[in-house]
N, C-alpha and C. Protein backbone atom coordinates (compact mmCIF):
# COMPACT_ATOMS: atom_id res chain seq x y z
N MET A 1 5.76 -7.46 7.98
CA MET A 1 5.06 -8.39 6.90
C MET A 1 3.85 -7.49 7.41
N ALA A 2 3.10 -7.70 8.69
CA ALA A 2 2.48 -7.16 9.32
C ALA A 2 2.27 -5.74 9.66
N ALA A 3 3.62 -5.37 9.53
CA ALA A 3 3.36 -3.52 9.36
C ALA A 3 3.39 -3.15 8.06
N ASN A 4 3.70 -3.70 7.10
CA ASN A 4 2.84 -3.65 5.45
C ASN A 4 1.43 -3.96 5.41
N ASP A 5 0.32 -5.12 6.30
CA ASP A 5 -0.61 -4.48 5.91
C ASP A 5 -1.68 -3.96 6.80
N GLU A 6 -0.80 -3.18 7.61
CA GLU A 6 -1.30 -2.01 8.29
C GLU A 6 -1.37 -0.88 8.02
N GLN A 7 -0.07 -0.81 7.33
CA GLN A 7 -0.31 0.35 6.06
C GLN A 7 -0.97 0.55 5.07
N ILE A 8 -1.23 -1.61 4.59
CA ILE A 8 -2.18 -1.33 3.36
C ILE A 8 -3.49 -0.45 3.57
N ALA A 9 -3.93 -1.48 4.75
CA ALA A 9 -4.93 -0.59 5.46
C ALA A 9 -5.34 1.10 5.50
N ASP A 10 -3.74 0.96 6.26
CA ASP A 10 -4.53 3.05 6.30
C ASP A 10 -4.59 3.74 5.00
N ILE A 11 -3.66 3.20 3.72
CA ILE A 11 -3.93 3.63 2.33
C ILE A 11 -5.13 3.11 1.75
N LYS A 12 -5.83 2.70 2.57
CA LYS A 12 -7.00 2.08 1.70
C LYS A 12 -8.58 2.93 2.47
N ASP A 13 -7.69 2.91 3.96
CA ASP A 13 -8.58 4.17 4.70
C ASP A 13 -8.80 5.08 3.82
N ALA A 14 -7.18 5.79 3.57
CA ALA A 14 -7.28 7.50 3.32
C ALA A 14 -7.62 7.55 2.08
N MET A 15 -7.88 6.17 0.68
CA MET A 15 -8.26 6.80 -0.30
C MET A 15 -9.77 6.68 -0.44
N LEU A 16 -10.05 6.30 0.70
CA LEU A 16 -11.91 6.17 1.17
C LEU A 16 -12.58 7.34 0.97
N VAL A 17 -11.49 8.39 1.81
CA VAL A 17 -12.11 9.79 2.31
C VAL A 17 -11.44 10.50 0.85
N ALA A 18 -9.98 10.06 0.06
CA ALA A 18 -9.96 10.67 -0.89
C ALA A 18 -10.93 10.83 -2.21
N VAL A 19 -11.54 9.89 -2.40
CA VAL A 19 -12.50 9.82 -3.13
C VAL A 19 -13.76 9.98 -3.01
N LEU A 20 -13.76 10.34 -1.66
CA LEU A 20 -15.21 10.56 -1.41
C LEU A 20 -15.04 12.33 -1.37
N THR A 21 -13.97 13.00 -1.21
CA THR A 21 -13.88 13.86 -1.45
C THR A 21 -13.35 14.76 -2.63
N ASP A 22 -13.18 14.15 -3.30
CA ASP A 22 -13.14 14.06 -4.88
C ASP A 22 -11.18 14.55 -4.82
N ASP A 23 -10.58 14.18 -4.11
CA ASP A 23 -8.76 15.03 -3.67
C ASP A 23 -8.35 13.81 -4.44
N THR A 24 -8.27 13.92 -6.08
CA THR A 24 -7.90 13.50 -7.07
C THR A 24 -6.22 13.44 -7.15
N GLU A 25 -5.33 14.20 -6.51
CA GLU A 25 -4.17 14.81 -5.93
C GLU A 25 -3.69 13.58 -5.13
N LEU A 26 -4.77 13.47 -3.91
CA LEU A 26 -4.18 12.88 -2.84
C LEU A 26 -4.30 11.37 -3.65
N GLN A 27 -5.26 11.25 -4.54
CA GLN A 27 -5.80 9.61 -4.55
C GLN A 27 -4.49 9.08 -5.72
N SER A 28 -3.91 9.85 -6.34
CA SER A 28 -2.66 9.70 -7.44
C SER A 28 -1.50 9.00 -6.02
N GLU A 29 -1.10 10.42 -5.05
CA GLU A 29 -0.36 10.28 -4.22
C GLU A 29 -0.48 8.41 -3.83
N LEU A 30 -1.64 8.13 -3.49
CA LEU A 30 -2.01 6.94 -2.22
C LEU A 30 -1.83 5.75 -3.38
N LYS A 31 -1.90 6.29 -4.80
CA LYS A 31 -1.76 4.98 -5.61
C LYS A 31 -0.28 5.03 -5.63
N GLN A 32 0.24 5.33 -5.59
CA GLN A 32 1.69 5.73 -5.60
C GLN A 32 2.40 4.48 -4.15
N GLU A 33 2.02 5.28 -3.16
CA GLU A 33 2.14 4.72 -2.01
C GLU A 33 1.81 3.20 -1.79
N TYR A 34 0.55 2.62 -2.23
CA TYR A 34 0.07 1.59 -2.13
C TYR A 34 0.90 0.29 -3.22
N ALA A 35 1.75 0.96 -3.92
CA ALA A 35 2.26 0.35 -5.40
C ALA A 35 3.74 -0.54 -4.67
N SER A 36 4.05 1.18 -3.87
CA SER A 36 5.57 0.76 -3.62
C SER A 36 5.18 0.02 -2.34
N VAL A 37 4.32 -0.64 -1.38
CA VAL A 37 4.34 -1.37 -0.31
C VAL A 37 3.93 -2.53 -1.15
N ILE A 38 2.96 -2.50 -1.87
CA ILE A 38 2.54 -3.87 -2.88
C ILE A 38 4.04 -4.51 -2.96
N GLU A 39 4.98 -3.59 -3.65
CA GLU A 39 6.45 -4.27 -4.06
C GLU A 39 7.30 -4.78 -3.12
N ASP A 40 7.26 -3.86 -1.81
CA ASP A 40 7.91 -3.99 -0.70
C ASP A 40 7.16 -6.02 -0.53
N THR A 41 6.21 -5.88 0.20
CA THR A 41 5.78 -7.07 0.19
C THR A 41 6.00 -8.23 -0.42
N ASN A 42 5.58 -7.92 -1.75
CA ASN A 42 6.59 -9.17 -2.54
C ASN A 42 7.78 -9.37 -2.28
N ASN A 43 8.80 -8.96 -3.14
CA ASN A 43 10.08 -9.04 -2.29
C ASN A 43 10.21 -9.28 -1.35
N LYS A 44 9.46 -9.00 -0.01
CA LYS A 44 9.93 -9.79 1.53
C LYS A 44 9.26 -11.37 0.82
N LEU A 45 8.11 -11.24 0.23
CA LEU A 45 7.83 -12.89 0.39
C LEU A 45 8.89 -14.03 -1.30
N GLN A 46 9.55 -12.94 -1.70
CA GLN A 46 10.85 -13.58 -2.55
C GLN A 46 11.67 -14.48 -1.70
N GLU A 47 11.88 -13.18 -0.61
CA GLU A 47 13.02 -13.95 0.42
C GLU A 47 12.88 -14.30 1.11
N VAL A 48 11.39 -14.80 1.37
CA VAL A 48 11.00 -15.89 2.34
C VAL A 48 11.24 -17.05 1.34
N LYS A 49 10.48 -16.99 0.25
CA LYS A 49 11.10 -18.49 -0.57
C LYS A 49 12.14 -18.39 -1.24
N ALA A 50 13.00 -17.56 -1.03
CA ALA A 50 14.16 -18.11 -1.45
C ALA A 50 15.03 -18.75 -0.36
N ASN A 51 14.56 -18.85 0.91
CA ASN A 51 15.37 -18.68 2.25
C ASN A 51 14.57 -19.99 2.87
N ASP A 52 14.10 -20.90 1.88
CA ASP A 52 12.80 -22.11 2.67
C ASP A 52 13.61 -22.98 1.68
């Protein structure tokens, strides 16, 4: 989970730069990457709940 938190932080930092530089292509890529990391995080949380 810590790796996902780190990835999310990195994506947020990159998104800030993409917004400030008006790089819409990078913004789109980062949104997709963020959604993927969030989905992975949610799946891991479901596994933890199932194992409790």
